[in-house]
Amino acid sequence: MRTKTFDETTLKRLATGYTNFSSTINAQTRYKVISEAKPLLDAQTKCKEIWHALQIADYKKEGTLNDAALKILMDKQGKNLAELLLVKNVEDILDLLDEDEDGFLNEDEQIMIFSTIKERMQLCSDDLCKIHEYGLFKDIMKGIRLLEDDINAYQKTLRARNQKKELTAYHEIGEERLKKFISEWEQKFEDFENECQQRMQELVDIHSKQFEDLNAELEQDTDILKIKPKPILKTLQVKERLVAVNERYGEAQTIRNELKHLEIQEQNRVENIILTEKDKRRRKLKKKQEKEIEFAMLKNKAAYNKMLIRKEQERAKVNKQIKLHLNDITKSQNLASCLADKLAKTRDELRRNKFKSKKVQEYLGEALSISKRRKSTEIFPHVIQTTGTKGKIGVQSTISNSIGYRSVSPLKRTLNNITKFKIKSDHFGKDVPVNISSDFLNNTTSSGKAGKILQQYGKHNKALPSLASLYDDNLMII
């Protein structure tokens, strides 16, 4: 007969209800925890490989991974993803990480790949500590802290790309605003030029009508001037009659010849005076019209200069707004980067410290309850204290849930505890229904400020028409 060793006797003796203070772990539980921990010991190196594969999959640096990119990722890192994330195909990755259910993995959801792995390592480290595997516990905690540093570097890289896209988009928006501003003012100047030409044409037509009216008036008015003849002409006419009455025919004929010559001269003189007066009136009207044209041109030039001044003022205002909003975006981006860096460096460590403090309080409470139970046993030895589930070591393994294929990964429950950096802008590139009012005005996050500015000055779709306008009174489609 084989002699029982000391350890076997001890283990058998420790299994009774009276002495249930053993810290020995069940062999099956130990094997389960260690087998789950082994793939995670070099998880930090595997995550680097996954990160490099992500850069290859997103070779356009668009920040989103579609089905094709995820297929490339699975082809290159399918084994590591299966070991670390317990996923088998693209559908499993989307079920696990696609929080907004848009069929793509954005920057935040890409970082969740590594944060989920780190959270699983954290849970596994707690299980290793419970089964007293302190060597593995030390190695996996070292890997966790190294992976946290890598995650911080990864989120900085993705955030820098996203911020660069935001600035590029805002520069494009600024250029579009300037082009729109220039085109609007070119149209304004063109309309002003057409309006000036129209006014000048109307003024020319009015002047032409005035000349026509003046010429008609001058032609119809025969008594335009009352010109007195020369006195000598009147004297000779009287003298001619007197000489003719006295039958002095020779002298009368001489006077008549002289009168004819004087009358012709007087007629020419009067006609010249009338023509001079007509020309004078025409010149006066023309001078008046020239003054009116000059005044109209000065008025148009003053209005043109006023428009130029207003254009420069508004252009300076637009440039200032563009520069001011660019500074606001840069400021919000820098603030978001600082907050994310601080979050990456402190949150997980604070969580661990909080968990440690909670466990210390729990263990101290258990020690105090054991001390009280011993005293009560000494006073009442006939009372037998039985231990419940609290005294047992319960190790919850995530790998036990992964037996068989499931549409939802067993790591889904850990997503609420991981650190999220909010890399993607809240409203940047978001396609919402055109008849939905914008809610970005209520957003006060750092990324929301950039999204607010980008959406406020970006392209907007026109509102959908009313359905009632598509039908007539007989409910027939128009």
Protein backbone atom coordinates (compact mmCIF):
# COMPACT_ATOMS: atom_id res chain seq x y z
CA MET A 1 0.00 0.00 0.00
CA ARG A 2 1.29 3.51 -0.99
CA THR A 3 2.00 5.83 1.89
CA LYS A 4 0.15 9.14 1.76
CA THR A 5 2.38 12.18 1.53
CA PHE A 6 2.12 15.19 3.78
CA ASP A 7 0.62 17.40 1.04
CA GLU A 8 -2.13 14.92 0.18
CA THR A 9 -3.01 14.51 3.84
CA THR A 10 -3.03 18.26 4.30
CA LEU A 11 -5.22 18.88 1.25
CA LYS A 12 -7.67 16.19 2.35
CA ARG A 13 -7.78 17.57 5.83
CA LEU A 14 -8.29 21.16 4.70
CA ALA A 15 -11.48 20.28 2.81
CA THR A 16 -13.67 20.02 5.90
CA GLY A 17 -16.15 22.68 6.87
CA TYR A 18 -14.43 23.31 10.19
CA THR A 19 -11.12 24.36 8.68
CA ASN A 20 -12.08 25.99 5.33
CA PHE A 21 -9.26 28.52 5.29
CA SER A 22 -7.15 27.00 2.52
CA SER A 23 -5.89 29.24 -0.31
CA THR A 24 -5.28 26.34 -2.68
CA ILE A 25 -6.76 26.88 -6.15
CA ASN A 26 -8.57 24.24 -8.12
CA ALA A 27 -6.31 22.75 -10.83
CA GLN A 28 -8.96 23.19 -13.52
CA THR A 29 -9.42 26.86 -12.63
CA ARG A 30 -5.68 27.41 -12.59
CA TYR A 31 -5.27 25.79 -16.00
CA LYS A 32 -8.11 27.85 -17.44
CA VAL A 33 -6.68 31.17 -16.23
CA ILE A 34 -3.09 30.37 -17.24
CA SER A 35 -4.14 29.14 -20.69
CA GLU A 36 -6.02 32.41 -21.22
CA ALA A 37 -3.11 34.49 -19.95
CA LYS A 38 -0.39 32.95 -22.13
CA PRO A 39 -1.49 34.59 -25.42
CA LEU A 40 -1.70 37.93 -23.59
CA LEU A 41 1.87 37.93 -22.29
CA ASP A 42 3.21 39.27 -25.57
CA ALA A 43 0.03 41.20 -26.44
CA GLN A 44 1.95 44.48 -26.60
CA THR A 45 4.12 43.18 -29.44
CA LYS A 46 1.11 41.74 -31.22
CA CYS A 47 -0.70 45.06 -30.88
CA LYS A 48 2.18 46.78 -32.64
CA GLU A 49 1.81 44.31 -35.49
CA ILE A 50 -1.93 45.00 -35.59
CA TRP A 51 -1.24 48.75 -35.62
CA HIS A 52 1.11 48.44 -38.60
CA ALA A 53 -1.49 46.31 -40.38
CA LEU A 54 -4.07 49.04 -39.66
CA GLN A 55 -1.87 51.58 -41.43
CA ILE A 56 -1.65 49.30 -44.46
CA ALA A 57 -5.41 48.71 -44.46
CA ASP A 58 -6.07 52.47 -44.22
CA TYR A 59 -3.47 53.39 -46.83
CA LYS A 60 -5.49 56.47 -47.88
CA LYS A 61 -5.41 57.74 -44.28
CA GLU A 62 -9.14 58.48 -44.37
CA GLY A 63 -9.62 57.47 -40.74
CA THR A 64 -12.31 54.86 -41.44
CA LEU A 65 -12.04 51.14 -42.10
CA ASN A 66 -14.71 49.66 -44.35
CA ASP A 67 -15.34 46.00 -45.09
CA ALA A 68 -12.52 45.84 -47.64
CA ALA A 69 -10.01 47.38 -45.23
CA LEU A 70 -11.12 45.09 -42.41
CA LYS A 71 -10.73 42.13 -44.76
CA ILE A 72 -7.13 43.18 -45.40
CA LEU A 73 -6.62 43.53 -41.64
CA MET A 74 -8.02 40.06 -41.02
CA ASP A 75 -5.84 38.57 -43.76
CA LYS A 76 -2.70 40.04 -42.19
CA GLN A 77 -3.52 39.79 -38.46
CA GLY A 78 -6.34 37.27 -38.26
CA LYS A 79 -4.43 34.99 -35.88
CA ASN A 80 -3.51 37.77 -33.43
CA LEU A 81 -7.03 39.21 -33.52
CA ALA A 82 -8.51 35.79 -32.86
CA GLU A 83 -6.20 35.27 -29.87
CA LEU A 84 -6.57 38.74 -28.39
CA LEU A 85 -10.12 39.81 -29.33
CA LEU A 86 -11.77 36.40 -29.78
CA VAL A 87 -13.07 37.34 -33.22
CA LYS A 88 -13.11 35.13 -36.29
CA ASN A 89 -14.16 37.36 -39.17
CA VAL A 90 -15.07 40.91 -40.19
CA GLU A 91 -18.64 40.55 -38.90
CA ASP A 92 -17.34 39.70 -35.42
CA ILE A 93 -15.12 42.81 -35.43
CA LEU A 94 -18.04 45.04 -36.41
CA ASP A 95 -20.33 43.39 -33.82
CA LEU A 96 -17.73 44.03 -31.14
CA LEU A 97 -16.39 47.50 -31.99
CA ASP A 98 -18.88 49.27 -34.30
CA GLU A 99 -20.70 51.29 -31.64
CA ASP A 100 -22.53 53.64 -34.00
CA GLU A 101 -23.45 50.70 -36.27
CA ASP A 102 -22.54 52.49 -39.49
CA GLY A 103 -20.58 49.58 -40.93
CA PHE A 104 -17.22 51.37 -40.54
CA LEU A 105 -14.60 51.65 -37.84
CA ASN A 106 -13.72 55.29 -37.20
CA GLU A 107 -10.70 56.52 -35.25
CA ASP A 108 -12.24 55.94 -31.83
CA GLU A 109 -13.40 52.45 -32.74
CA GLN A 110 -9.92 51.62 -34.08
CA ILE A 111 -8.38 52.63 -30.76
CA MET A 112 -10.98 50.43 -29.07
CA ILE A 113 -9.21 47.42 -30.59
CA PHE A 114 -6.20 48.01 -28.36
CA SER A 115 -8.19 49.34 -25.39
CA THR A 116 -10.34 46.18 -25.40
CA ILE A 117 -7.23 44.01 -25.50
CA LYS A 118 -5.76 45.99 -22.61
CA GLU A 119 -8.96 45.64 -20.62
CA ARG A 120 -8.91 41.90 -21.18
CA MET A 121 -5.29 41.83 -20.00
CA GLN A 122 -6.36 43.75 -16.90
CA LEU A 123 -9.09 41.22 -16.11
CA CYS A 124 -6.67 38.36 -16.73
CA SER A 125 -4.09 39.97 -14.43
CA ASP A 126 -6.68 40.12 -11.66
CA ASP A 127 -7.38 36.42 -12.20
CA LEU A 128 -3.65 35.63 -12.09
CA CYS A 129 -3.34 37.51 -8.83
CA LYS A 130 -6.23 35.49 -7.39
CA ILE A 131 -4.57 32.18 -8.25
CA HIS A 132 -1.21 33.40 -6.86
CA GLU A 133 0.66 33.35 -10.19
CA TYR A 134 2.65 36.44 -9.30
CA GLY A 135 5.34 35.94 -11.91
CA LEU A 136 2.82 35.95 -14.74
CA PHE A 137 0.93 38.72 -12.94
CA LYS A 138 4.07 40.88 -12.98
CA ASP A 139 4.77 40.20 -16.66
CA ILE A 140 1.24 40.94 -17.79
CA MET A 141 1.06 44.16 -15.73
CA LYS A 142 4.29 45.30 -17.35
CA GLY A 143 2.74 44.58 -20.74
CA ILE A 144 -0.40 46.50 -19.77
CA ARG A 145 1.56 49.66 -18.93
CA LEU A 146 3.62 49.40 -22.11
CA LEU A 147 0.43 48.94 -24.14
CA GLU A 148 -1.10 51.99 -22.44
CA ASP A 149 1.86 54.07 -23.64
CA ASP A 150 1.42 52.65 -27.14
CA ILE A 151 -2.31 53.39 -27.08
CA ASN A 152 -1.54 56.99 -26.15
CA ALA A 153 0.86 57.22 -29.09
CA TYR A 154 -1.72 55.62 -31.40
CA GLN A 155 -4.48 58.01 -30.39
CA LYS A 156 -2.12 60.96 -30.84
CA THR A 157 -1.37 59.80 -34.38
CA LEU A 158 -5.03 59.34 -35.27
CA ARG A 159 -5.98 62.61 -33.60
CA ALA A 160 -3.27 64.49 -35.52
CA ARG A 161 -4.63 63.08 -38.78
CA ASN A 162 -8.19 63.98 -37.86
CA GLN A 163 -7.17 67.49 -36.82
CA LYS A 164 -5.26 67.90 -40.07
CA LYS A 165 -8.40 66.90 -41.96
CA GLU A 166 -10.39 69.44 -39.96
CA LEU A 167 -7.94 72.22 -40.74
CA THR A 168 -7.85 71.20 -44.41
CA ALA A 169 -11.63 71.20 -44.53
CA TYR A 170 -11.75 74.61 -42.85
CA HIS A 171 -9.16 76.01 -45.28
CA GLU A 172 -11.34 74.74 -48.13
CA ILE A 173 -14.37 76.32 -46.49
CA GLY A 174 -12.43 79.59 -46.14
CA GLU A 175 -11.42 79.51 -49.79
CA GLU A 176 -15.01 78.79 -50.79
CA ARG A 177 -16.21 81.69 -48.66
CA LEU A 178 -13.69 84.02 -50.30
CA LYS A 179 -14.62 82.79 -53.78
CA LYS A 180 -18.29 83.23 -52.96
CA PHE A 181 -17.57 86.69 -51.55
CA ILE A 182 -15.63 87.71 -54.67
CA SER A 183 -18.25 86.32 -57.05
CA GLU A 184 -21.04 88.09 -55.15
CA TRP A 185 -19.22 91.42 -55.33
CA GLU A 186 -18.35 90.92 -58.99
CA GLN A 187 -22.04 90.41 -59.61
CA LYS A 188 -22.83 93.52 -57.57
CA PHE A 189 -20.35 95.62 -59.59
CA GLU A 190 -21.69 94.18 -62.82
CA ASP A 191 -25.24 95.06 -61.80
CA PHE A 192 -24.06 98.52 -60.75
CA GLU A 193 -22.33 99.01 -64.11
CA ASN A 194 -25.45 97.94 -65.98
CA GLU A 195 -27.55 100.25 -63.85
CA CYS A 196 -25.20 103.20 -64.53
CA GLN A 197 -25.22 102.52 -68.24
CA GLN A 198 -28.99 102.34 -68.19
CA ARG A 199 -29.24 105.66 -66.35
CA MET A 200 -26.79 107.31 -68.74
CA GLN A 201 -28.70 105.98 -71.72
CA GLU A 202 -31.92 107.34 -70.28
CA LEU A 203 -30.21 110.70 -69.76
CA VAL A 204 -28.92 110.71 -73.34
CA ASP A 205 -32.42 109.95 -74.61
CA ILE A 206 -33.80 112.82 -72.54
CA HIS A 207 -31.16 115.18 -73.96
CA SER A 208 -31.93 114.10 -77.50
CA LYS A 209 -35.61 114.77 -76.90
CA GLN A 210 -34.77 118.21 -75.50
CA PHE A 211 -32.76 119.09 -78.65
CA GLU A 212 -35.59 117.95 -80.87
CA ASP A 213 -38.09 120.04 -78.93
CA LEU A 214 -35.81 123.09 -79.05
CA ASN A 215 -35.26 122.79 -82.80
CA ALA A 216 -39.00 122.42 -83.38
CA GLU A 217 -39.65 125.48 -81.23
CA LEU A 218 -37.02 127.55 -83.03
CA GLU A 219 -38.38 126.61 -86.45
CA GLN A 220 -42.01 127.39 -85.59
CA ASP A 221 -41.35 130.65 -83.73
CA THR A 222 -40.93 133.31 -86.47
CA ASP A 223 -40.93 136.21 -84.04
CA ILE A 224 -38.08 134.83 -82.08
CA LEU A 225 -36.50 138.31 -82.01
CA LYS A 226 -37.96 141.80 -82.41
CA ILE A 227 -35.12 143.63 -84.16
CA LYS A 228 -35.53 147.33 -85.01
CA PRO A 229 -34.28 148.31 -88.46
CA LYS A 230 -31.60 150.97 -88.86
CA PRO A 231 -32.89 154.60 -88.79
CA ILE A 232 -31.28 155.43 -92.15
CA LEU A 233 -33.46 152.83 -93.82
CA LYS A 234 -36.61 154.45 -92.50
CA THR A 235 -35.32 157.91 -93.50
CA LEU A 236 -34.57 156.88 -97.06
CA GLN A 237 -37.99 155.24 -97.45
CA VAL A 238 -39.72 158.53 -96.42
CA LYS A 239 -37.40 160.55 -98.63
CA GLU A 240 -38.15 158.23 -101.59
CA ARG A 241 -41.88 158.81 -101.23
CA LEU A 242 -41.46 162.56 -100.94
CA VAL A 243 -39.26 162.77 -104.02
CA ALA A 244 -41.59 160.51 -106.00
CA VAL A 245 -44.62 162.69 -105.11
CA ASN A 246 -42.77 165.76 -106.42
CA GLU A 247 -42.04 163.90 -109.69
CA ARG A 248 -38.36 163.91 -109.17
CA TYR A 249 -37.88 160.56 -110.87
CA GLY A 250 -34.15 160.53 -111.10
CA GLU A 251 -33.61 161.14 -107.42
CA ALA A 252 -36.36 158.66 -106.55
CA GLN A 253 -34.69 155.97 -108.66
CA THR A 254 -31.35 156.65 -107.03
CA ILE A 255 -32.90 156.38 -103.58
CA ARG A 256 -34.64 153.17 -104.64
CA ASN A 257 -31.39 151.61 -105.77
CA GLU A 258 -29.75 152.57 -102.50
CA LEU A 259 -32.73 151.23 -100.51
CA LYS A 260 -32.53 147.89 -102.24
CA HIS A 261 -28.93 147.58 -101.32
CA LEU A 262 -29.60 148.63 -97.69
CA GLU A 263 -32.62 146.30 -97.36
CA ILE A 264 -30.55 143.35 -98.48
CA GLN A 265 -27.88 144.22 -95.97
CA GLU A 266 -30.48 144.69 -93.21
CA GLN A 267 -32.13 141.36 -94.06
CA ASN A 268 -28.79 139.62 -93.86
CA ARG A 269 -28.01 141.33 -90.59
CA VAL A 270 -31.34 140.25 -89.02
CA GLU A 271 -30.96 136.67 -90.23
CA ASN A 272 -27.46 136.51 -88.81
CA ILE A 273 -28.69 137.79 -85.46
CA ILE A 274 -31.51 135.17 -85.43
CA LEU A 275 -29.08 132.37 -86.30
CA THR A 276 -26.72 133.57 -83.61
CA GLU A 277 -29.53 133.56 -81.07
CA LYS A 278 -30.57 130.03 -82.05
CA ASP A 279 -27.00 128.83 -81.76
CA LYS A 280 -26.75 130.54 -78.41
CA ARG A 281 -29.81 128.70 -77.13
CA ARG A 282 -28.51 125.41 -78.46
CA ARG A 283 -25.11 125.95 -76.83
CA LYS A 284 -26.81 126.86 -73.58
CA LEU A 285 -28.89 123.67 -73.67
CA LYS A 286 -25.85 121.62 -74.60
CA LYS A 287 -23.83 123.11 -71.77
CA LYS A 288 -26.63 122.35 -69.35
CA GLN A 289 -26.79 118.78 -70.60
CA GLU A 290 -23.03 118.39 -70.30
CA LYS A 291 -23.25 119.53 -66.68
CA GLU A 292 -26.01 117.01 -66.06
CA ILE A 293 -23.90 114.23 -67.61
CA GLU A 294 -20.86 115.29 -65.59
CA PHE A 295 -22.93 115.36 -62.41
CA ALA A 296 -24.34 111.91 -63.19
CA MET A 297 -20.84 110.55 -63.81
CA LEU A 298 -19.57 112.04 -60.56
CA LYS A 299 -22.53 110.57 -58.74
CA ASN A 300 -21.85 107.14 -60.26
CA LYS A 301 -18.16 107.40 -59.41
CA ALA A 302 -18.99 108.33 -55.81
CA ALA A 303 -21.35 105.36 -55.56
CA TYR A 304 -18.66 103.11 -57.10
CA ASN A 305 -16.05 104.31 -54.58
CA LYS A 306 -18.53 103.78 -51.78
CA MET A 307 -19.10 100.22 -52.96
CA LEU A 308 -15.32 99.65 -53.10
CA ILE A 309 -14.94 100.87 -49.52
CA ARG A 310 -17.81 98.65 -48.36
CA LYS A 311 -16.30 95.68 -50.25
CA GLU A 312 -12.92 96.13 -48.56
CA GLN A 313 -14.57 96.48 -45.16
CA GLU A 314 -16.58 93.31 -45.62
CA ARG A 315 -13.56 91.48 -47.05
CA ALA A 316 -11.52 92.45 -43.98
CA LYS A 317 -14.39 91.23 -41.82
CA VAL A 318 -14.55 87.89 -43.64
CA ASN A 319 -10.77 87.45 -43.42
CA LYS A 320 -10.89 88.23 -39.72
CA GLN A 321 -13.69 85.73 -39.17
CA ILE A 322 -11.80 83.04 -41.06
CA LYS A 323 -8.62 83.71 -39.10
CA LEU A 324 -10.51 83.94 -35.81
CA HIS A 325 -12.34 80.65 -36.36
CA LEU A 326 -9.10 79.02 -37.47
CA ASN A 327 -7.55 80.09 -34.16
CA ASP A 328 -10.62 78.75 -32.32
CA ILE A 329 -10.32 75.39 -34.07
CA THR A 330 -6.59 75.20 -33.34
CA LYS A 331 -7.19 76.12 -29.71
CA SER A 332 -9.93 73.51 -29.27
CA GLN A 333 -7.74 70.91 -30.98
CA ASN A 334 -4.79 71.64 -28.68
CA LEU A 335 -7.07 71.50 -25.65
CA ALA A 336 -8.57 68.19 -26.78
CA SER A 337 -5.06 66.77 -27.37
CA CYS A 338 -3.91 67.81 -23.88
CA LEU A 339 -7.01 66.37 -22.23
CA ALA A 340 -6.67 63.10 -24.17
CA ASP A 341 -2.99 62.80 -23.23
CA LYS A 342 -3.78 63.42 -19.58
CA LEU A 343 -6.64 60.91 -19.75
CA ALA A 344 -4.37 58.28 -21.29
CA LYS A 345 -1.72 58.77 -18.62
CA THR A 346 -3.95 58.91 -15.54
CA ARG A 347 -7.34 57.22 -15.98
CA ASP A 348 -6.26 53.59 -16.12
CA GLU A 349 -3.75 54.01 -13.32
CA LEU A 350 -6.38 55.72 -11.18
CA ARG A 351 -8.79 52.88 -11.91
CA ARG A 352 -6.21 50.37 -10.76
CA ASN A 353 -5.51 52.34 -7.59
CA LYS A 354 -9.22 52.54 -6.88
CA PHE A 355 -9.58 48.81 -7.46
CA LYS A 356 -6.60 48.15 -5.14
CA SER A 357 -8.08 50.33 -2.40
CA LYS A 358 -11.41 48.56 -2.73
CA LYS A 359 -9.75 45.14 -2.49
CA VAL A 360 -7.68 46.23 0.50
CA GLN A 361 -10.85 47.30 2.30
CA GLU A 362 -12.49 44.04 1.34
CA TYR A 363 -9.59 41.93 2.58
CA LEU A 364 -9.37 43.91 5.82
CA GLY A 365 -13.09 43.39 6.31
CA GLU A 366 -12.70 39.66 5.76
CA ALA A 367 -9.82 39.54 8.25
CA LEU A 368 -11.93 41.41 10.81
CA SER A 369 -14.88 39.08 10.28
CA ILE A 370 -12.61 36.03 10.69
CA SER A 371 -11.27 37.49 13.94
CA LYS A 372 -14.79 38.04 15.27
CA ARG A 373 -15.84 34.54 14.23
CA ARG A 374 -12.92 33.01 16.10
CA LYS A 375 -13.87 34.86 19.28
CA SER A 376 -17.47 33.77 19.02
CA THR A 377 -16.35 30.16 18.44
CA GLU A 378 -14.27 30.28 21.59
CA ILE A 379 -17.25 31.56 23.61
CA PHE A 380 -19.80 29.23 21.95
CA PRO A 381 -17.82 26.16 20.81
CA HIS A 382 -20.97 24.19 19.94
CA VAL A 383 -21.86 26.69 17.21
CA ILE A 384 -20.39 25.65 13.81
CA GLN A 385 -19.73 28.48 11.38
CA THR A 386 -20.12 27.50 7.71
CA THR A 387 -18.50 29.43 4.93
CA GLY A 388 -20.47 30.73 1.97
CA THR A 389 -19.44 31.83 -1.43
CA LYS A 390 -17.63 34.83 -0.07
CA GLY A 391 -14.79 32.71 1.26
CA LYS A 392 -14.21 31.00 -2.06
CA ILE A 393 -11.93 32.28 -4.78
CA GLY A 394 -14.02 32.93 -7.85
CA VAL A 395 -12.10 33.44 -11.05
CA GLN A 396 -14.20 34.58 -13.97
CA SER A 397 -12.55 33.74 -17.24
CA THR A 398 -13.51 35.39 -20.50
CA ILE A 399 -12.28 32.47 -22.56
CA SER A 400 -14.95 30.21 -21.11
CA ASN A 401 -17.56 32.30 -22.87
CA SER A 402 -15.86 31.91 -26.22
CA ILE A 403 -16.62 28.22 -26.71
CA GLY A 404 -18.43 27.87 -30.02
CA TYR A 405 -19.33 30.66 -32.43
CA ARG A 406 -21.36 33.59 -31.17
CA SER A 407 -22.44 36.65 -33.08
CA VAL A 408 -21.46 38.91 -30.17
CA SER A 409 -17.96 38.68 -28.71
CA PRO A 410 -17.66 37.79 -25.00
CA LEU A 411 -15.55 40.94 -24.66
CA LYS A 412 -18.59 43.10 -25.43
CA ARG A 413 -19.31 43.55 -21.75
CA THR A 414 -15.89 45.14 -21.15
CA LEU A 415 -16.43 48.02 -23.58
CA ASN A 416 -18.14 50.16 -20.94
CA ASN A 417 -14.97 50.24 -18.84
CA ILE A 418 -12.34 51.03 -21.46
CA THR A 419 -10.82 54.48 -21.91
CA LYS A 420 -12.36 56.41 -24.82
CA PHE A 421 -10.58 59.41 -26.31
CA LYS A 422 -13.27 60.96 -28.54
CA ILE A 423 -10.93 61.52 -31.46
CA LYS A 424 -13.52 61.93 -34.18
CA SER A 425 -15.29 65.29 -34.35
CA ASP A 426 -18.89 65.06 -33.29
CA HIS A 427 -20.33 66.56 -36.48
CA PHE A 428 -17.44 66.45 -38.93
CA GLY A 429 -18.59 64.79 -42.13
CA LYS A 430 -21.82 63.65 -40.53
CA ASP A 431 -24.58 63.09 -43.05
CA VAL A 432 -27.90 63.95 -41.42
CA PRO A 433 -31.32 64.41 -43.02
CA VAL A 434 -31.52 67.81 -44.64
CA ASN A 435 -34.80 68.71 -42.94
CA ILE A 436 -33.46 68.02 -39.42
CA SER A 437 -32.47 71.07 -37.39
CA SER A 438 -28.84 71.13 -36.28
CA ASP A 439 -28.15 70.24 -32.67
CA PHE A 440 -24.47 71.20 -32.67
CA LEU A 441 -25.29 74.50 -30.96
CA ASN A 442 -25.86 72.56 -27.73
CA ASN A 443 -22.51 70.80 -27.99
CA THR A 444 -19.82 72.15 -25.67
CA THR A 445 -17.10 69.51 -26.11
CA SER A 446 -13.73 70.42 -27.60
CA SER A 447 -14.33 68.32 -30.69
CA GLY A 448 -17.86 69.69 -30.89
CA LYS A 449 -16.58 73.27 -31.19
CA ALA A 450 -14.58 72.40 -34.28
CA GLY A 451 -17.53 70.46 -35.68
CA LYS A 452 -19.81 73.40 -34.97
CA ILE A 453 -17.64 75.80 -36.95
CA LEU A 454 -17.15 73.34 -39.80
CA GLN A 455 -20.86 72.62 -40.08
CA GLN A 456 -21.84 76.27 -39.69
CA TYR A 457 -19.74 77.40 -42.66
CA GLY A 458 -19.76 74.16 -44.67
CA LYS A 459 -22.02 73.17 -47.49
CA HIS A 460 -25.66 72.72 -46.59
CA ASN A 461 -28.31 70.85 -48.44
CA LYS A 462 -31.55 72.58 -49.27
CA ALA A 463 -34.54 71.73 -47.13
CA LEU A 464 -36.88 69.11 -48.47
CA PRO A 465 -40.06 70.51 -50.04
CA SER A 466 -43.40 69.94 -48.39
CA LEU A 467 -45.18 66.76 -49.49
CA ALA A 468 -48.39 68.74 -49.96
CA SER A 469 -46.71 70.81 -52.67
CA LEU A 470 -46.17 67.67 -54.75
CA TYR A 471 -49.93 67.06 -55.18
CA ASP A 472 -52.78 69.13 -56.55
CA ASP A 473 -56.25 69.60 -55.07
CA ASN A 474 -57.36 66.23 -56.50
CA LEU A 475 -54.39 64.48 -54.83
CA MET A 476 -52.78 63.86 -58.20
CA ILE A 477 -49.00 64.06 -58.54
CA ILE A 478 -47.98 67.37 -60.07
